[in-house]
Amino acid sequence: MNWLYIGIAALSGAAMALQGTFNATLGKILGLWESTLIVHLIGTLVALLIIFVAGMGFGNISKLSQVPWWAYLGGLLSVIIIYAVARSIPQIGVGNATTAIIVAQISTAILIDSLGIFGMKKLDFQWLDLLGVILFVVGARILLID
């Protein structure tokens, strides 16, 4: 197991919890769709800045036609994710929303791995995976008790 990438993934998890909190606050003040737009505009500007500062350029942009159509759904999903997180956190709290997100995320990830879909490497399904999801759900239920 590569601990560097486990750490990077954990960092993204912490960033997601913070992002959800920030987006919920932004959404309460500006409105959900307006805040979703602002978040994406800021993200676009940051990505452009990184590309220019790192001197990467847009050399691979010519490969747009080689990308499978479904890979572009990430942009749509990004809007759905930001909206759903900003909508749910004020209603059920950061911990409850994040717990539901993680349970759905890990369940979907195991399904993708087991089927090897969307260009991902197929990993053999293990019954321990199912047990892990069940334990995850039980743990989530304990966390979700008011």
C-alpha atoms as a PDB file:
ATOM      1  CA  MET A   1       0.000   0.000   0.000  1.00  0.00           C
ATOM      2  CA  ASN A   2       1.344   3.419  -0.903  1.00  0.00           C
ATOM      3  CA  TRP A   3       0.934   5.575   2.207  1.00  0.00           C
ATOM      4  CA  LEU A   4       1.652   8.795   0.321  1.00  0.00           C
ATOM      5  CA  TYR A   5      -1.482   8.336  -1.772  1.00  0.00           C
ATOM      6  CA  ILE A   6      -3.507   7.216   1.250  1.00  0.00           C
ATOM      7  CA  GLY A   7      -2.455  10.506   2.857  1.00  0.00           C
ATOM      8  CA  ILE A   8      -3.374  12.494  -0.242  1.00  0.00           C
ATOM      9  CA  ALA A   9      -6.788  10.783  -0.312  1.00  0.00           C
ATOM     10  CA  ALA A  10      -7.285  11.551   3.392  1.00  0.00           C
ATOM     11  CA  LEU A  11      -6.396  15.181   2.710  1.00  0.00           C
ATOM     12  CA  SER A  12      -9.092  15.285   0.036  1.00  0.00           C
ATOM     13  CA  GLY A  13     -11.599  13.885   2.539  1.00  0.00           C
ATOM     14  CA  ALA A  14     -10.790  16.628   5.034  1.00  0.00           C
ATOM     15  CA  ALA A  15     -10.982  19.219   2.246  1.00  0.00           C
ATOM     16  CA  MET A  16     -14.415  17.876   1.232  1.00  0.00           C
ATOM     17  CA  ALA A  17     -15.776  18.310   4.768  1.00  0.00           C
ATOM     18  CA  LEU A  18     -14.420  21.869   4.888  1.00  0.00           C
ATOM     19  CA  GLN A  19     -15.674  22.618   1.374  1.00  0.00           C
ATOM     20  CA  GLY A  20     -19.145  21.404   2.255  1.00  0.00           C
ATOM     21  CA  THR A  21     -19.185  23.618   5.331  1.00  0.00           C
ATOM     22  CA  PHE A  22     -17.971  26.654   3.393  1.00  0.00           C
ATOM     23  CA  ASN A  23     -20.392  26.022   0.512  1.00  0.00           C
ATOM     24  CA  ALA A  24     -23.318  25.655   2.911  1.00  0.00           C
ATOM     25  CA  THR A  25     -22.501  29.030   4.459  1.00  0.00           C
ATOM     26  CA  LEU A  26     -22.116  30.606   1.025  1.00  0.00           C
ATOM     27  CA  GLY A  27     -25.410  29.042  -0.064  1.00  0.00           C
ATOM     28  CA  LYS A  28     -27.294  30.388   2.957  1.00  0.00           C
ATOM     29  CA  ILE A  29     -26.210  33.921   2.107  1.00  0.00           C
ATOM     30  CA  LEU A  30     -26.128  33.956  -1.711  1.00  0.00           C
ATOM     31  CA  GLY A  31     -28.537  31.137  -2.573  1.00  0.00           C
ATOM     32  CA  LEU A  32     -27.665  27.579  -3.571  1.00  0.00           C
ATOM     33  CA  TRP A  33     -27.368  28.032  -7.332  1.00  0.00           C
ATOM     34  CA  GLU A  34     -25.547  31.325  -7.036  1.00  0.00           C
ATOM     35  CA  SER A  35     -23.050  29.823  -4.589  1.00  0.00           C
ATOM     36  CA  THR A  36     -22.579  26.775  -6.846  1.00  0.00           C
ATOM     37  CA  LEU A  37     -21.718  29.124  -9.708  1.00  0.00           C
ATOM     38  CA  ILE A  38     -19.295  31.157  -7.563  1.00  0.00           C
ATOM     39  CA  VAL A  39     -17.536  27.996  -6.332  1.00  0.00           C
ATOM     40  CA  HIS A  40     -17.060  26.773  -9.907  1.00  0.00           C
ATOM     41  CA  LEU A  41     -15.838  30.165 -11.114  1.00  0.00           C
ATOM     42  CA  ILE A  42     -13.271  30.307  -8.312  1.00  0.00           C
ATOM     43  CA  GLY A  43     -12.220  26.720  -9.061  1.00  0.00           C
ATOM     44  CA  THR A  44     -11.840  27.561 -12.749  1.00  0.00           C
ATOM     45  CA  LEU A  45      -9.696  30.596 -11.967  1.00  0.00           C
ATOM     46  CA  VAL A  46      -7.493  28.599  -9.578  1.00  0.00           C
ATOM     47  CA  ALA A  47      -7.011  25.822 -12.170  1.00  0.00           C
ATOM     48  CA  LEU A  48      -6.097  28.400 -14.834  1.00  0.00           C
ATOM     49  CA  LEU A  49      -3.662  30.087 -12.467  1.00  0.00           C
ATOM     50  CA  ILE A  50      -1.964  26.760 -11.661  1.00  0.00           C
ATOM     51  CA  ILE A  51      -1.706  25.898 -15.366  1.00  0.00           C
ATOM     52  CA  PHE A  52      -0.135  29.272 -16.184  1.00  0.00           C
ATOM     53  CA  VAL A  53       2.167  29.480 -13.153  1.00  0.00           C
ATOM     54  CA  ALA A  54       3.397  25.904 -13.682  1.00  0.00           C
ATOM     55  CA  GLY A  55       3.889  26.651 -17.381  1.00  0.00           C
ATOM     56  CA  MET A  56       1.856  23.614 -18.418  1.00  0.00           C
ATOM     57  CA  GLY A  57       0.013  25.205 -21.299  1.00  0.00           C
ATOM     58  CA  PHE A  58      -2.907  23.553 -23.045  1.00  0.00           C
ATOM     59  CA  GLY A  59      -1.013  21.045 -25.195  1.00  0.00           C
ATOM     60  CA  ASN A  60      -3.383  18.174 -24.447  1.00  0.00           C
ATOM     61  CA  ILE A  61      -6.548  20.124 -25.260  1.00  0.00           C
ATOM     62  CA  SER A  62      -6.377  18.711 -28.786  1.00  0.00           C
ATOM     63  CA  LYS A  63      -7.212  15.296 -27.303  1.00  0.00           C
ATOM     64  CA  LEU A  64     -10.735  16.368 -26.305  1.00  0.00           C
ATOM     65  CA  SER A  65     -12.235  14.246 -29.072  1.00  0.00           C
ATOM     66  CA  GLN A  66     -10.511  11.137 -27.675  1.00  0.00           C
ATOM     67  CA  VAL A  67     -12.281  11.373 -24.319  1.00  0.00           C
ATOM     68  CA  PRO A  68     -15.278   9.036 -23.867  1.00  0.00           C
ATOM     69  CA  TRP A  69     -18.544  10.997 -23.718  1.00  0.00           C
ATOM     70  CA  TRP A  70     -19.339   9.818 -20.187  1.00  0.00           C
ATOM     71  CA  ALA A  71     -16.082  11.249 -18.815  1.00  0.00           C
ATOM     72  CA  TYR A  72     -17.494  14.741 -19.370  1.00  0.00           C
ATOM     73  CA  LEU A  73     -20.267  13.987 -16.870  1.00  0.00           C
ATOM     74  CA  GLY A  74     -17.795  14.936 -14.124  1.00  0.00           C
ATOM     75  CA  GLY A  75     -18.701  18.587 -14.682  1.00  0.00           C
ATOM     76  CA  LEU A  76     -22.402  17.832 -14.285  1.00  0.00           C
ATOM     77  CA  LEU A  77     -21.715  15.706 -11.213  1.00  0.00           C
ATOM     78  CA  SER A  78     -19.648  18.512  -9.722  1.00  0.00           C
ATOM     79  CA  VAL A  79     -22.652  20.835  -9.856  1.00  0.00           C
ATOM     80  CA  ILE A  80     -24.909  18.152  -8.357  1.00  0.00           C
ATOM     81  CA  ILE A  81     -22.397  17.420  -5.584  1.00  0.00           C
ATOM     82  CA  ILE A  82     -21.908  21.043  -4.585  1.00  0.00           C
ATOM     83  CA  TYR A  83     -25.656  21.690  -4.629  1.00  0.00           C
ATOM     84  CA  ALA A  84     -26.506  18.530  -2.663  1.00  0.00           C
ATOM     85  CA  VAL A  85     -23.826  19.100  -0.026  1.00  0.00           C
ATOM     86  CA  ALA A  86     -24.713  22.767   0.427  1.00  0.00           C
ATOM     87  CA  ARG A  87     -28.411  21.827   0.642  1.00  0.00           C
ATOM     88  CA  SER A  88     -28.049  18.942   3.108  1.00  0.00           C
ATOM     89  CA  ILE A  89     -25.466  20.258   5.591  1.00  0.00           C
ATOM     90  CA  PRO A  90     -27.602  23.095   7.001  1.00  0.00           C
ATOM     91  CA  GLN A  91     -30.500  20.656   7.482  1.00  0.00           C
ATOM     92  CA  ILE A  92     -28.744  17.642   9.042  1.00  0.00           C
ATOM     93  CA  GLY A  93     -25.282  18.903  10.040  1.00  0.00           C
ATOM     94  CA  VAL A  94     -21.773  18.391   8.690  1.00  0.00           C
ATOM     95  CA  GLY A  95     -21.215  15.052  10.463  1.00  0.00           C
ATOM     96  CA  ASN A  96     -24.497  13.485   9.351  1.00  0.00           C
ATOM     97  CA  ALA A  97     -24.192  14.703   5.779  1.00  0.00           C
ATOM     98  CA  THR A  98     -20.580  13.584   5.529  1.00  0.00           C
ATOM     99  CA  THR A  99     -21.465  10.166   6.947  1.00  0.00           C
ATOM    100  CA  ALA A 100     -24.182   9.678   4.326  1.00  0.00           C
ATOM    101  CA  ILE A 101     -21.819  10.892   1.618  1.00  0.00           C
ATOM    102  CA  ILE A 102     -19.067   8.476   2.655  1.00  0.00           C
ATOM    103  CA  VAL A 103     -21.401   5.460   2.842  1.00  0.00           C
ATOM    104  CA  ALA A 104     -22.759   6.182  -0.648  1.00  0.00           C
ATOM    105  CA  GLN A 105     -19.287   6.971  -1.960  1.00  0.00           C
ATOM    106  CA  ILE A 106     -17.667   3.752  -0.712  1.00  0.00           C
ATOM    107  CA  SER A 107     -20.600   1.617  -1.876  1.00  0.00           C
ATOM    108  CA  THR A 108     -20.421   3.133  -5.363  1.00  0.00           C
ATOM    109  CA  ALA A 109     -16.621   2.809  -5.422  1.00  0.00           C
ATOM    110  CA  ILE A 110     -16.778  -0.904  -4.579  1.00  0.00           C
ATOM    111  CA  LEU A 111     -19.352  -1.423  -7.318  1.00  0.00           C
ATOM    112  CA  ILE A 112     -17.139   0.372  -9.868  1.00  0.00           C
ATOM    113  CA  ASP A 113     -14.091  -1.624  -8.762  1.00  0.00           C
ATOM    114  CA  SER A 114     -15.979  -4.934  -8.859  1.00  0.00           C
ATOM    115  CA  LEU A 115     -17.344  -4.310 -12.350  1.00  0.00           C
ATOM    116  CA  GLY A 116     -14.262  -2.591 -13.728  1.00  0.00           C
ATOM    117  CA  ILE A 117     -16.424   0.016 -15.430  1.00  0.00           C
ATOM    118  CA  PHE A 118     -15.560   3.481 -16.736  1.00  0.00           C
ATOM    119  CA  GLY A 119     -12.050   2.405 -17.671  1.00  0.00           C
ATOM    120  CA  MET A 120     -11.095   1.406 -14.134  1.00  0.00           C
ATOM    121  CA  LYS A 121      -9.125  -1.723 -13.345  1.00  0.00           C
ATOM    122  CA  LYS A 122     -11.444  -4.588 -12.403  1.00  0.00           C
ATOM    123  CA  LEU A 123     -10.800  -5.806  -8.884  1.00  0.00           C
ATOM    124  CA  ASP A 124     -12.205  -9.123  -7.752  1.00  0.00           C
ATOM    125  CA  PHE A 125     -15.188  -8.741  -5.448  1.00  0.00           C
ATOM    126  CA  GLN A 126     -14.486 -10.101  -1.993  1.00  0.00           C
ATOM    127  CA  TRP A 127     -17.222 -10.998   0.468  1.00  0.00           C
ATOM    128  CA  LEU A 128     -15.219  -9.038   3.012  1.00  0.00           C
ATOM    129  CA  ASP A 129     -15.992  -5.958   0.871  1.00  0.00           C
ATOM    130  CA  LEU A 130     -19.683  -6.549   1.500  1.00  0.00           C
ATOM    131  CA  LEU A 131     -19.045  -7.110   5.210  1.00  0.00           C
ATOM    132  CA  GLY A 132     -17.052  -3.876   5.279  1.00  0.00           C
ATOM    133  CA  VAL A 133     -19.946  -1.954   3.698  1.00  0.00           C
ATOM    134  CA  ILE A 134     -22.404  -3.511   6.162  1.00  0.00           C
ATOM    135  CA  LEU A 135     -20.176  -2.526   9.091  1.00  0.00           C
ATOM    136  CA  PHE A 136     -19.820   0.918   7.566  1.00  0.00           C
ATOM    137  CA  VAL A 137     -23.612   1.261   7.369  1.00  0.00           C
ATOM    138  CA  VAL A 138     -23.994   0.084  10.978  1.00  0.00           C
ATOM    139  CA  GLY A 139     -21.355   2.603  12.055  1.00  0.00           C
ATOM    140  CA  ALA A 140     -23.067   5.309  10.024  1.00  0.00           C
ATOM    141  CA  ARG A 141     -26.390   4.505  11.689  1.00  0.00           C
ATOM    142  CA  ILE A 142     -24.759   4.872  15.098  1.00  0.00           C
ATOM    143  CA  LEU A 143     -23.301   8.244  14.037  1.00  0.00           C
ATOM    144  CA  LEU A 144     -26.649   9.410  12.636  1.00  0.00           C
ATOM    145  CA  ILE A 145     -28.564   8.888  15.881  1.00  0.00           C
ATOM    146  CA  ASP A 146     -29.766  12.270  17.119  1.00  0.00           C
END
